[in-house]
N, C-alpha and C. Protein backbone atom coordinates (compact mmCIF):
# COMPACT_ATOMS: atom_id res chain seq x y z
N MET A 1 42.31 58.51 41.03
CA MET A 1 41.69 57.18 41.01
C MET A 1 40.17 57.41 41.04
N ARG A 2 39.49 56.58 40.26
CA ARG A 2 38.03 56.63 40.22
C ARG A 2 37.49 55.22 40.47
N VAL A 3 36.27 55.13 40.99
CA VAL A 3 35.70 53.85 41.34
C VAL A 3 34.21 53.83 40.94
N TRP A 4 33.76 52.64 40.57
CA TRP A 4 32.33 52.44 40.30
C TRP A 4 31.95 51.03 40.70
N ILE A 5 30.66 50.82 40.85
CA ILE A 5 30.13 49.51 41.25
C ILE A 5 29.15 49.02 40.19
N ASP A 6 29.30 47.74 39.85
CA ASP A 6 28.31 47.09 38.96
C ASP A 6 27.21 46.56 39.88
N GLN A 7 26.12 47.25 39.92
CA GLN A 7 25.04 46.85 40.88
C GLN A 7 24.46 45.48 40.55
N ASP A 8 24.56 45.02 39.32
CA ASP A 8 24.07 43.70 38.97
C ASP A 8 24.84 42.59 39.67
N LEU A 9 26.11 42.87 40.06
CA LEU A 9 26.94 41.88 40.73
C LEU A 9 26.93 42.04 42.25
N CYS A 10 26.43 43.16 42.74
CA CYS A 10 26.50 43.45 44.20
C CYS A 10 25.62 42.47 44.96
N THR A 11 26.19 41.91 46.01
CA THR A 11 25.46 40.97 46.88
C THR A 11 24.84 41.66 48.06
N GLY A 12 25.11 42.93 48.27
CA GLY A 12 24.51 43.69 49.35
C GLY A 12 25.09 43.35 50.73
N ASP A 13 26.28 42.76 50.78
CA ASP A 13 26.90 42.40 52.07
C ASP A 13 27.31 43.64 52.88
N GLY A 14 27.63 44.72 52.21
CA GLY A 14 28.02 45.94 52.89
C GLY A 14 29.46 46.00 53.39
N LEU A 15 30.28 45.04 52.95
CA LEU A 15 31.69 45.05 53.38
C LEU A 15 32.41 46.30 52.89
N CYS A 16 32.00 46.84 51.77
CA CYS A 16 32.65 48.03 51.23
C CYS A 16 32.40 49.20 52.19
N LEU A 17 31.21 49.27 52.79
CA LEU A 17 30.90 50.30 53.75
C LEU A 17 31.79 50.16 55.00
N ASP A 18 32.05 48.95 55.40
CA ASP A 18 32.93 48.73 56.54
C ASP A 18 34.33 49.26 56.24
N HIS A 19 34.77 49.11 55.04
CA HIS A 19 36.09 49.57 54.67
C HIS A 19 36.18 51.09 54.51
N CYS A 20 35.19 51.66 53.85
CA CYS A 20 35.28 53.07 53.51
C CYS A 20 33.88 53.70 53.34
N PRO A 21 33.24 54.06 54.46
CA PRO A 21 31.88 54.65 54.38
C PRO A 21 31.83 56.03 53.69
N ASP A 22 33.00 56.66 53.51
CA ASP A 22 33.01 57.94 52.81
C ASP A 22 32.96 57.78 51.30
N VAL A 23 33.25 56.58 50.82
CA VAL A 23 33.22 56.31 49.37
C VAL A 23 32.06 55.45 48.94
N PHE A 24 31.58 54.61 49.85
CA PHE A 24 30.50 53.66 49.51
C PHE A 24 29.31 53.88 50.41
N VAL A 25 28.14 53.74 49.81
CA VAL A 25 26.87 53.85 50.55
C VAL A 25 25.96 52.71 50.10
N GLN A 26 25.01 52.38 50.95
CA GLN A 26 24.02 51.36 50.64
C GLN A 26 22.64 52.03 50.67
N LEU A 27 21.93 51.97 49.59
CA LEU A 27 20.62 52.62 49.49
C LEU A 27 19.49 51.67 49.91
N GLU A 28 18.28 52.18 49.85
CA GLU A 28 17.11 51.45 50.29
C GLU A 28 16.95 50.09 49.60
N ASP A 29 17.50 49.96 48.40
CA ASP A 29 17.37 48.70 47.67
C ASP A 29 18.34 47.62 48.17
N GLY A 30 19.20 47.97 49.18
CA GLY A 30 20.13 47.02 49.74
C GLY A 30 21.37 46.83 48.95
N ILE A 31 21.54 47.61 47.89
CA ILE A 31 22.70 47.51 46.99
C ILE A 31 23.66 48.66 47.26
N ALA A 32 24.95 48.39 47.09
CA ALA A 32 25.96 49.42 47.32
C ALA A 32 26.16 50.32 46.07
N TYR A 33 26.47 51.54 46.37
CA TYR A 33 26.73 52.57 45.36
C TYR A 33 27.98 53.37 45.82
N VAL A 34 28.58 54.05 44.89
CA VAL A 34 29.68 54.91 45.25
C VAL A 34 29.11 56.29 45.59
N ALA A 35 29.85 57.02 46.41
CA ALA A 35 29.43 58.37 46.77
C ALA A 35 30.58 59.33 46.50
N GLU A 36 30.20 60.54 46.17
CA GLU A 36 31.19 61.60 45.95
C GLU A 36 30.70 62.84 46.66
N MET A 37 31.52 63.39 47.53
CA MET A 37 31.14 64.54 48.33
C MET A 37 29.79 64.29 49.05
N ALA A 38 29.68 63.11 49.64
CA ALA A 38 28.50 62.71 50.42
C ALA A 38 27.22 62.57 49.63
N VAL A 39 27.33 62.45 48.30
CA VAL A 39 26.15 62.26 47.46
C VAL A 39 26.26 60.92 46.76
N ALA A 40 25.27 60.06 46.92
CA ALA A 40 25.28 58.76 46.26
C ALA A 40 25.13 58.93 44.77
N LEU A 41 25.99 58.25 44.02
CA LEU A 41 25.90 58.29 42.57
C LEU A 41 25.18 57.02 42.14
N ASN A 42 23.89 57.15 41.88
CA ASN A 42 23.05 55.97 41.62
C ASN A 42 22.50 55.98 40.22
N ASP A 43 23.40 56.01 39.25
CA ASP A 43 23.06 55.91 37.83
C ASP A 43 23.65 54.60 37.31
N PRO A 44 23.08 53.42 37.70
CA PRO A 44 23.72 52.18 37.36
C PRO A 44 24.05 52.07 35.88
N GLY A 45 25.32 51.73 35.64
CA GLY A 45 25.76 51.55 34.26
C GLY A 45 26.06 52.84 33.51
N GLY A 46 25.80 53.96 34.12
CA GLY A 46 26.05 55.23 33.45
C GLY A 46 27.31 55.92 33.94
N SER A 47 27.73 56.93 33.19
CA SER A 47 28.94 57.67 33.60
C SER A 47 28.73 58.42 34.91
N GLY A 48 27.48 58.62 35.31
CA GLY A 48 27.17 59.28 36.57
C GLY A 48 27.41 58.43 37.77
N SER A 49 27.93 57.21 37.56
CA SER A 49 28.19 56.30 38.66
C SER A 49 29.69 56.18 38.93
N LEU A 50 30.50 57.03 38.35
CA LEU A 50 31.95 56.97 38.48
C LEU A 50 32.38 58.07 39.48
N ALA A 51 32.93 57.70 40.63
CA ALA A 51 33.31 58.65 41.64
C ALA A 51 34.82 58.82 41.72
N PHE A 52 35.25 60.02 41.94
CA PHE A 52 36.66 60.28 42.24
C PHE A 52 36.92 59.93 43.68
N VAL A 53 38.04 59.29 43.93
CA VAL A 53 38.39 58.86 45.30
C VAL A 53 39.48 59.80 45.83
N PRO A 54 39.23 60.47 46.96
CA PRO A 54 40.26 61.30 47.55
C PRO A 54 41.48 60.45 47.92
N GLU A 55 42.62 61.05 47.90
CA GLU A 55 43.87 60.35 48.23
C GLU A 55 43.80 59.62 49.55
N ARG A 56 43.20 60.23 50.56
CA ARG A 56 43.17 59.64 51.88
C ARG A 56 42.31 58.37 51.94
N HIS A 57 41.46 58.14 50.93
CA HIS A 57 40.59 56.96 50.93
C HIS A 57 41.03 55.88 49.89
N ARG A 58 42.13 56.13 49.24
CA ARG A 58 42.49 55.19 48.16
C ARG A 58 42.78 53.79 48.65
N GLN A 59 43.56 53.61 49.69
CA GLN A 59 43.89 52.28 50.14
C GLN A 59 42.65 51.56 50.67
N ALA A 60 41.78 52.27 51.38
CA ALA A 60 40.55 51.61 51.88
C ALA A 60 39.65 51.22 50.73
N THR A 61 39.60 52.01 49.66
CA THR A 61 38.81 51.68 48.47
C THR A 61 39.38 50.44 47.77
N ILE A 62 40.68 50.35 47.66
CA ILE A 62 41.34 49.16 47.08
C ILE A 62 41.04 47.94 47.94
N ASP A 63 41.15 48.06 49.27
CA ASP A 63 40.85 46.95 50.18
C ASP A 63 39.39 46.49 50.03
N ALA A 64 38.47 47.46 49.89
CA ALA A 64 37.06 47.09 49.69
C ALA A 64 36.89 46.29 48.42
N ALA A 65 37.53 46.72 47.37
CA ALA A 65 37.42 45.98 46.07
C ALA A 65 37.97 44.58 46.20
N LEU A 66 39.08 44.44 46.90
CA LEU A 66 39.69 43.12 47.05
C LEU A 66 38.85 42.17 47.91
N ASP A 67 38.15 42.71 48.91
CA ASP A 67 37.38 41.90 49.84
C ASP A 67 35.92 41.67 49.37
N CYS A 68 35.51 42.37 48.33
CA CYS A 68 34.11 42.31 47.90
C CYS A 68 33.74 40.89 47.42
N PRO A 69 32.74 40.26 48.05
CA PRO A 69 32.35 38.90 47.62
C PRO A 69 31.72 38.85 46.28
N GLY A 70 31.11 39.92 45.84
CA GLY A 70 30.46 39.97 44.53
C GLY A 70 31.42 40.40 43.41
N GLU A 71 32.62 40.81 43.80
CA GLU A 71 33.63 41.32 42.83
C GLU A 71 33.01 42.36 41.92
N CYS A 72 32.27 43.29 42.53
CA CYS A 72 31.53 44.27 41.74
C CYS A 72 32.13 45.66 41.77
N ILE A 73 33.23 45.85 42.52
CA ILE A 73 33.86 47.16 42.63
C ILE A 73 34.98 47.26 41.64
N PHE A 74 34.92 48.29 40.80
CA PHE A 74 35.90 48.45 39.73
C PHE A 74 36.63 49.77 39.93
N ILE A 75 37.96 49.72 39.82
CA ILE A 75 38.79 50.89 40.05
C ILE A 75 39.53 51.28 38.75
N GLU A 76 39.48 52.53 38.47
CA GLU A 76 40.23 53.08 37.30
C GLU A 76 41.32 53.99 37.85
N ILE A 77 42.54 53.69 37.49
CA ILE A 77 43.67 54.50 37.92
C ILE A 77 44.16 55.31 36.70
N GLU A 78 44.15 56.62 36.91
CA GLU A 78 44.58 57.51 35.84
C GLU A 78 46.10 57.62 35.85
N THR A 79 46.67 57.59 34.63
CA THR A 79 48.08 57.76 34.48
C THR A 79 48.39 59.27 34.46
N PRO A 80 49.34 59.72 35.25
CA PRO A 80 49.67 61.15 35.24
C PRO A 80 50.04 61.60 33.83
N LYS A 81 49.72 62.80 33.47
CA LYS A 81 49.95 63.34 32.13
C LYS A 81 51.42 63.25 31.73
N ALA A 82 52.34 63.46 32.65
CA ALA A 82 53.75 63.43 32.34
C ALA A 82 54.16 62.02 31.91
N LEU A 83 53.61 61.00 32.52
CA LEU A 83 53.93 59.62 32.16
C LEU A 83 53.33 59.27 30.80
N ARG A 84 52.11 59.73 30.54
CA ARG A 84 51.48 59.49 29.25
C ARG A 84 52.28 60.15 28.10
N ALA A 85 52.77 61.34 28.33
CA ALA A 85 53.52 62.06 27.31
C ALA A 85 54.84 61.36 27.02
N SER A 86 55.49 60.87 28.08
CA SER A 86 56.80 60.20 27.84
C SER A 86 56.62 58.83 27.18
N ALA A 87 55.45 58.20 27.35
CA ALA A 87 55.22 56.88 26.74
C ALA A 87 54.87 57.00 25.24
N ALA A 88 54.46 58.16 24.83
CA ALA A 88 54.06 58.34 23.42
C ALA A 88 55.20 58.48 22.48
């Protein structure tokens, strides 16, 4: 699973940090960003803003996306290769 934030929609409430501070960070601009291996990915709109979510943080990341007032958290779920091959 991967996650990214559309900073143009972020309201800066910080609810995502309450849910999962290992995946989300808030920088000096008051806007939330995703983090990977404790490094903020702050390339708004770029591929450098897409973070892999460790298995242990998946549910908290989903909960953060559902509770986000700005609806700015986007989750991409990868289909396992075996399922993709059988669907083809």
